[in-house]
Amino acid sequence: MIRKTSAEDGSELRWFKSSNSDSSNSNECVEVATMLGAVHVRDSKNVEGSQLALTRQAWADFVAHASGS
């Protein structure tokens, strides 16, 4: 996990939802933003709330585990 400093407010991040998200209930999803050294994750219902920042390898490991690969 990567900790953000207070100077990094995330305003430069470009957030997106998975194409597999349920479009009929778009508020129940996480959003992801990628940067060179990290993948940021946030709750789509609370976009001003906390964010989780992971190394790209940690994110890849999580996605592989979550998809059952």
PDB file of N, CA and C in Angstrom:
ATOM      1  N   MET A   1       0.847  -1.163   0.000  1.00  0.00           N
ATOM      2  CA  MET A   1       0.000   0.000   0.000  1.00  0.00           C
ATOM      3  C   MET A   1       0.897   1.232   0.000  1.00  0.00           C
ATOM      4  N   ILE A   2       0.404   2.273  -0.614  1.00  0.00           N
ATOM      5  CA  ILE A   2       1.130   3.535  -0.689  1.00  0.00           C
ATOM      6  C   ILE A   2       0.358   4.573   0.105  1.00  0.00           C
ATOM      7  N   ARG A   3       1.049   5.308   0.942  1.00  0.00           N
ATOM      8  CA  ARG A   3       0.392   6.374   1.707  1.00  0.00           C
ATOM      9  C   ARG A   3       0.569   7.685   0.972  1.00  0.00           C
ATOM     10  N   LYS A   4      -0.522   8.442   0.868  1.00  0.00           N
ATOM     11  CA  LYS A   4      -0.475   9.747   0.214  1.00  0.00           C
ATOM     12  C   LYS A   4      -0.122  10.825   1.230  1.00  0.00           C
ATOM     13  N   THR A   5       0.611  11.806   0.784  1.00  0.00           N
ATOM     14  CA  THR A   5       0.861  12.960   1.644  1.00  0.00           C
ATOM     15  C   THR A   5      -0.311  13.913   1.526  1.00  0.00           C
ATOM     16  N   SER A   6      -0.425  14.841   2.455  1.00  0.00           N
ATOM     17  CA  SER A   6      -1.539  15.782   2.427  1.00  0.00           C
ATOM     18  C   SER A   6      -1.496  16.680   1.190  1.00  0.00           C
ATOM     19  N   ALA A   7      -0.353  16.840   0.578  1.00  0.00           N
ATOM     20  CA  ALA A   7      -0.247  17.677  -0.622  1.00  0.00           C
ATOM     21  C   ALA A   7      -0.861  17.003  -1.839  1.00  0.00           C
ATOM     22  N   GLU A   8      -1.007  15.694  -1.786  1.00  0.00           N
ATOM     23  CA  GLU A   8      -1.573  14.971  -2.908  1.00  0.00           C
ATOM     24  C   GLU A   8      -3.074  14.823  -2.681  1.00  0.00           C
ATOM     25  N   ASP A   9      -3.858  15.672  -3.306  1.00  0.00           N
ATOM     26  CA  ASP A   9      -5.288  15.637  -3.063  1.00  0.00           C
ATOM     27  C   ASP A   9      -6.044  14.766  -4.048  1.00  0.00           C
ATOM     28  N   GLY A  10      -5.374  14.210  -5.032  1.00  0.00           N
ATOM     29  CA  GLY A  10      -6.033  13.326  -5.980  1.00  0.00           C
ATOM     30  C   GLY A  10      -6.768  14.051  -7.088  1.00  0.00           C
ATOM     31  N   SER A  11      -6.704  15.372  -7.140  1.00  0.00           N
ATOM     32  CA  SER A  11      -7.457  16.116  -8.144  1.00  0.00           C
ATOM     33  C   SER A  11      -6.966  15.839  -9.565  1.00  0.00           C
ATOM     34  N   GLU A  12      -5.736  15.396  -9.722  1.00  0.00           N
ATOM     35  CA  GLU A  12      -5.207  15.112 -11.046  1.00  0.00           C
ATOM     36  C   GLU A  12      -5.551  13.702 -11.529  1.00  0.00           C
ATOM     37  N   LEU A  13      -6.161  12.918 -10.693  1.00  0.00           N
ATOM     38  CA  LEU A  13      -6.491  11.545 -11.058  1.00  0.00           C
ATOM     39  C   LEU A  13      -7.705  11.496 -11.981  1.00  0.00           C
ATOM     40  N   ARG A  14      -7.692  10.568 -12.931  1.00  0.00           N
ATOM     41  CA  ARG A  14      -8.825  10.351 -13.829  1.00  0.00           C
ATOM     42  C   ARG A  14      -9.482   9.037 -13.425  1.00  0.00           C
ATOM     43  N   TRP A  15     -10.628   9.130 -12.802  1.00  0.00           N
ATOM     44  CA  TRP A  15     -11.312   7.980 -12.223  1.00  0.00           C
ATOM     45  C   TRP A  15     -12.214   7.301 -13.244  1.00  0.00           C
ATOM     46  N   PHE A  16     -12.327   5.970 -13.127  1.00  0.00           N
ATOM     47  CA  PHE A  16     -13.257   5.227 -13.977  1.00  0.00           C
ATOM     48  C   PHE A  16     -13.791   4.033 -13.224  1.00  0.00           C
ATOM     49  N   LYS A  17     -14.917   3.522 -13.708  1.00  0.00           N
ATOM     50  CA  LYS A  17     -15.532   2.313 -13.153  1.00  0.00           C
ATOM     51  C   LYS A  17     -15.325   1.174 -14.132  1.00  0.00           C
ATOM     52  N   SER A  18     -15.403  -0.013 -13.640  1.00  0.00           N
ATOM     53  CA  SER A  18     -15.271  -1.193 -14.478  1.00  0.00           C
ATOM     54  C   SER A  18     -16.401  -1.249 -15.507  1.00  0.00           C
ATOM     55  N   SER A  19     -16.080  -1.748 -16.681  1.00  0.00           N
ATOM     56  CA  SER A  19     -17.125  -1.947 -17.694  1.00  0.00           C
ATOM     57  C   SER A  19     -18.103  -3.030 -17.250  1.00  0.00           C
ATOM     58  N   ASN A  20     -17.733  -3.803 -16.229  1.00  0.00           N
ATOM     59  CA  ASN A  20     -18.618  -4.837 -15.684  1.00  0.00           C
ATOM     60  C   ASN A  20     -19.544  -4.314 -14.598  1.00  0.00           C
ATOM     61  N   SER A  21     -19.464  -3.017 -14.282  1.00  0.00           N
ATOM     62  CA  SER A  21     -20.317  -2.443 -13.253  1.00  0.00           C
ATOM     63  C   SER A  21     -21.770  -2.525 -13.683  1.00  0.00           C
ATOM     64  N   ASP A  22     -22.638  -2.699 -12.717  1.00  0.00           N
ATOM     65  CA  ASP A  22     -24.072  -2.763 -12.966  1.00  0.00           C
ATOM     66  C   ASP A  22     -24.584  -1.353 -13.237  1.00  0.00           C
ATOM     67  N   SER A  23     -24.869  -1.050 -14.484  1.00  0.00           N
ATOM     68  CA  SER A  23     -25.286   0.306 -14.837  1.00  0.00           C
ATOM     69  C   SER A  23     -26.643   0.675 -14.252  1.00  0.00           C
ATOM     70  N   SER A  24     -27.442  -0.300 -13.849  1.00  0.00           N
ATOM     71  CA  SER A  24     -28.740   0.015 -13.260  1.00  0.00           C
ATOM     72  C   SER A  24     -28.604   0.500 -11.827  1.00  0.00           C
ATOM     73  N   ASN A  25     -27.454   0.244 -11.203  1.00  0.00           N
ATOM     74  CA  ASN A  25     -27.218   0.703  -9.839  1.00  0.00           C
ATOM     75  C   ASN A  25     -25.793   1.216  -9.743  1.00  0.00           C
ATOM     76  N   SER A  26     -25.534   2.329 -10.424  1.00  0.00           N
ATOM     77  CA  SER A  26     -24.167   2.823 -10.572  1.00  0.00           C
ATOM     78  C   SER A  26     -23.543   3.332  -9.280  1.00  0.00           C
ATOM     79  N   ASN A  27     -24.313   3.451  -8.206  1.00  0.00           N
ATOM     80  CA  ASN A  27     -23.746   3.927  -6.942  1.00  0.00           C
ATOM     81  C   ASN A  27     -23.081   2.832  -6.132  1.00  0.00           C
ATOM     82  N   GLU A  28     -23.190   1.601  -6.543  1.00  0.00           N
ATOM     83  CA  GLU A  28     -22.587   0.497  -5.796  1.00  0.00           C
ATOM     84  C   GLU A  28     -21.381  -0.039  -6.550  1.00  0.00           C
ATOM     85  N   CYS A  29     -20.348   0.757  -6.548  1.00  0.00           N
ATOM     86  CA  CYS A  29     -19.163   0.386  -7.309  1.00  0.00           C
ATOM     87  C   CYS A  29     -17.953   1.092  -6.719  1.00  0.00           C
ATOM     88  N   VAL A  30     -16.799   0.552  -6.996  1.00  0.00           N
ATOM     89  CA  VAL A  30     -15.573   1.270  -6.684  1.00  0.00           C
ATOM     90  C   VAL A  30     -15.089   1.915  -7.971  1.00  0.00           C
ATOM     91  N   GLU A  31     -14.319   2.968  -7.813  1.00  0.00           N
ATOM     92  CA  GLU A  31     -13.709   3.623  -8.954  1.00  0.00           C
ATOM     93  C   GLU A  31     -12.200   3.482  -8.825  1.00  0.00           C
ATOM     94  N   VAL A  32     -11.531   3.445  -9.959  1.00  0.00           N
ATOM     95  CA  VAL A  32     -10.088   3.232 -10.002  1.00  0.00           C
ATOM     96  C   VAL A  32      -9.452   4.336 -10.833  1.00  0.00           C
ATOM     97  N   ALA A  33      -8.290   4.773 -10.408  1.00  0.00           N
ATOM     98  CA  ALA A  33      -7.476   5.719 -11.177  1.00  0.00           C
ATOM     99  C   ALA A  33      -6.047   5.191 -11.173  1.00  0.00           C
ATOM    100  N   THR A  34      -5.436   5.173 -12.328  1.00  0.00           N
ATOM    101  CA  THR A  34      -4.062   4.666 -12.412  1.00  0.00           C
ATOM    102  C   THR A  34      -3.085   5.804 -12.643  1.00  0.00           C
ATOM    103  N   MET A  35      -1.932   5.650 -12.041  1.00  0.00           N
ATOM    104  CA  MET A  35      -0.809   6.561 -12.241  1.00  0.00           C
ATOM    105  C   MET A  35       0.409   5.685 -12.502  1.00  0.00           C
ATOM    106  N   LEU A  36       1.494   6.302 -12.817  1.00  0.00           N
ATOM    107  CA  LEU A  36       2.699   5.547 -13.146  1.00  0.00           C
ATOM    108  C   LEU A  36       3.085   4.563 -12.048  1.00  0.00           C
ATOM    109  N   GLY A  37       3.084   4.995 -10.793  1.00  0.00           N
ATOM    110  CA  GLY A  37       3.566   4.136  -9.723  1.00  0.00           C
ATOM    111  C   GLY A  37       2.504   3.529  -8.837  1.00  0.00           C
ATOM    112  N   ALA A  38       1.214   3.810  -9.116  1.00  0.00           N
ATOM    113  CA  ALA A  38       0.182   3.348  -8.189  1.00  0.00           C
ATOM    114  C   ALA A  38      -1.172   3.222  -8.865  1.00  0.00           C
ATOM    115  N   VAL A  39      -2.030   2.454  -8.219  1.00  0.00           N
ATOM    116  CA  VAL A  39      -3.427   2.353  -8.600  1.00  0.00           C
ATOM    117  C   VAL A  39      -4.225   2.823  -7.395  1.00  0.00           C
ATOM    118  N   HIS A  40      -5.099   3.797  -7.603  1.00  0.00           N
ATOM    119  CA  HIS A  40      -5.912   4.373  -6.535  1.00  0.00           C
ATOM    120  C   HIS A  40      -7.327   3.821  -6.638  1.00  0.00           C
ATOM    121  N   VAL A  41      -7.930   3.542  -5.486  1.00  0.00           N
ATOM    122  CA  VAL A  41      -9.281   2.983  -5.432  1.00  0.00           C
ATOM    123  C   VAL A  41     -10.099   3.826  -4.460  1.00  0.00           C
ATOM    124  N   ARG A  42     -11.356   4.095  -4.825  1.00  0.00           N
ATOM    125  CA  ARG A  42     -12.250   4.834  -3.929  1.00  0.00           C
ATOM    126  C   ARG A  42     -13.674   4.315  -4.079  1.00  0.00           C
ATOM    127  N   ASP A  43     -14.504   4.641  -3.125  1.00  0.00           N
ATOM    128  CA  ASP A  43     -15.913   4.283  -3.120  1.00  0.00           C
ATOM    129  C   ASP A  43     -16.673   5.279  -3.985  1.00  0.00           C
ATOM    130  N   SER A  44     -17.418   4.800  -4.964  1.00  0.00           N
ATOM    131  CA  SER A  44     -18.133   5.707  -5.861  1.00  0.00           C
ATOM    132  C   SER A  44     -19.238   6.477  -5.156  1.00  0.00           C
ATOM    133  N   LYS A  45     -19.691   5.995  -4.003  1.00  0.00           N
ATOM    134  CA  LYS A  45     -20.727   6.698  -3.249  1.00  0.00           C
ATOM    135  C   LYS A  45     -20.140   7.823  -2.401  1.00  0.00           C
ATOM    136  N   ASN A  46     -18.825   7.833  -2.225  1.00  0.00           N
ATOM    137  CA  ASN A  46     -18.184   8.821  -1.374  1.00  0.00           C
ATOM    138  C   ASN A  46     -16.883   9.279  -2.033  1.00  0.00           C
ATOM    139  N   VAL A  47     -17.012   9.986  -3.134  1.00  0.00           N
ATOM    140  CA  VAL A  47     -15.832  10.345  -3.923  1.00  0.00           C
ATOM    141  C   VAL A  47     -14.910  11.324  -3.206  1.00  0.00           C
ATOM    142  N   GLU A  48     -15.407  12.031  -2.214  1.00  0.00           N
ATOM    143  CA  GLU A  48     -14.566  12.934  -1.437  1.00  0.00           C
ATOM    144  C   GLU A  48     -13.925  12.227  -0.239  1.00  0.00           C
ATOM    145  N   GLY A  49     -14.270  10.966  -0.036  1.00  0.00           N
ATOM    146  CA  GLY A  49     -13.769  10.217   1.110  1.00  0.00           C
ATOM    147  C   GLY A  49     -12.373   9.659   0.885  1.00  0.00           C
ATOM    148  N   SER A  50     -12.030   8.719   1.701  1.00  0.00           N
ATOM    149  CA  SER A  50     -10.698   8.104   1.669  1.00  0.00           C
ATOM    150  C   SER A  50     -10.453   7.358   0.367  1.00  0.00           C
ATOM    151  N   GLN A  51      -9.190   7.278   0.018  1.00  0.00           N
ATOM    152  CA  GLN A  51      -8.749   6.514  -1.142  1.00  0.00           C
ATOM    153  C   GLN A  51      -7.701   5.511  -0.688  1.00  0.00           C
ATOM    154  N   LEU A  52      -7.668   4.408  -1.364  1.00  0.00           N
ATOM    155  CA  LEU A  52      -6.647   3.402  -1.124  1.00  0.00           C
ATOM    156  C   LEU A  52      -5.704   3.439  -2.311  1.00  0.00           C
ATOM    157  N   ALA A  53      -4.422   3.539  -2.060  1.00  0.00           N
ATOM    158  CA  ALA A  53      -3.419   3.537  -3.121  1.00  0.00           C
ATOM    159  C   ALA A  53      -2.571   2.284  -2.982  1.00  0.00           C
ATOM    160  N   LEU A  54      -2.481   1.545  -4.069  1.00  0.00           N
ATOM    161  CA  LEU A  54      -1.734   0.286  -4.093  1.00  0.00           C
ATOM    162  C   LEU A  54      -0.635   0.357  -5.142  1.00  0.00           C
ATOM    163  N   THR A  55       0.428  -0.393  -4.917  1.00  0.00           N
ATOM    164  CA  THR A  55       1.414  -0.526  -5.982  1.00  0.00           C
ATOM    165  C   THR A  55       0.743  -1.241  -7.142  1.00  0.00           C
ATOM    166  N   ARG A  56       1.292  -1.071  -8.314  1.00  0.00           N
ATOM    167  CA  ARG A  56       0.698  -1.724  -9.490  1.00  0.00           C
ATOM    168  C   ARG A  56       0.744  -3.253  -9.326  1.00  0.00           C
ATOM    169  N   GLN A  57       1.795  -3.765  -8.727  1.00  0.00           N
ATOM    170  CA  GLN A  57       1.889  -5.215  -8.529  1.00  0.00           C
ATOM    171  C   GLN A  57       0.855  -5.705  -7.527  1.00  0.00           C
ATOM    172  N   ALA A  58       0.654  -4.958  -6.441  1.00  0.00           N
ATOM    173  CA  ALA A  58      -0.360  -5.345  -5.453  1.00  0.00           C
ATOM    174  C   ALA A  58      -1.745  -5.343  -6.093  1.00  0.00           C
ATOM    175  N   TRP A  59      -2.037  -4.354  -6.950  1.00  0.00           N
ATOM    176  CA  TRP A  59      -3.329  -4.302  -7.636  1.00  0.00           C
ATOM    177  C   TRP A  59      -3.479  -5.503  -8.577  1.00  0.00           C
ATOM    178  N   ALA A  60      -2.441  -5.812  -9.328  1.00  0.00           N
ATOM    179  CA  ALA A  60      -2.491  -6.946 -10.243  1.00  0.00           C
ATOM    180  C   ALA A  60      -2.723  -8.246  -9.472  1.00  0.00           C
ATOM    181  N   ASP A  61      -2.062  -8.406  -8.334  1.00  0.00           N
ATOM    182  CA  ASP A  61      -2.267  -9.591  -7.505  1.00  0.00           C
ATOM    183  C   ASP A  61      -3.690  -9.660  -6.990  1.00  0.00           C
ATOM    184  N   PHE A  62      -4.246  -8.516  -6.561  1.00  0.00           N
ATOM    185  CA  PHE A  62      -5.616  -8.474  -6.070  1.00  0.00           C
ATOM    186  C   PHE A  62      -6.605  -8.859  -7.180  1.00  0.00           C
ATOM    187  N   VAL A  63      -6.450  -8.276  -8.354  1.00  0.00           N
ATOM    188  CA  VAL A  63      -7.360  -8.557  -9.459  1.00  0.00           C
ATOM    189  C   VAL A  63      -7.291 -10.037  -9.836  1.00  0.00           C
ATOM    190  N   ALA A  64      -6.097 -10.601  -9.890  1.00  0.00           N
ATOM    191  CA  ALA A  64      -5.960 -12.021 -10.200  1.00  0.00           C
ATOM    192  C   ALA A  64      -6.665 -12.875  -9.148  1.00  0.00           C
ATOM    193  N   HIS A  65      -6.513 -12.524  -7.901  1.00  0.00           N
ATOM    194  CA  HIS A  65      -7.156 -13.279  -6.822  1.00  0.00           C
ATOM    195  C   HIS A  65      -8.678 -13.125  -6.881  1.00  0.00           C
ATOM    196  N   ALA A  66      -9.148 -11.903  -7.071  1.00  0.00           N
ATOM    197  CA  ALA A  66     -10.585 -11.643  -7.096  1.00  0.00           C
ATOM    198  C   ALA A  66     -11.274 -12.295  -8.285  1.00  0.00           C
ATOM    199  N   SER A  67     -10.562 -12.423  -9.397  1.00  0.00           N
ATOM    200  CA  SER A  67     -11.165 -13.036 -10.581  1.00  0.00           C
ATOM    201  C   SER A  67     -11.016 -14.559 -10.588  1.00  0.00           C
ATOM    202  N   GLY A  68     -10.308 -15.089  -9.603  1.00  0.00           N
ATOM    203  CA  GLY A  68     -10.141 -16.537  -9.517  1.00  0.00           C
ATOM    204  C   GLY A  68      -9.064 -17.080 -10.428  1.00  0.00           C
ATOM    205  N   SER A  69      -8.219 -16.222 -10.975  1.00  0.00           N
ATOM    206  CA  SER A  69      -7.158 -16.659 -11.885  1.00  0.00           C
ATOM    207  C   SER A  69      -6.003 -17.259 -11.130  1.00  0.00           C
TER     208      SER A  69
END
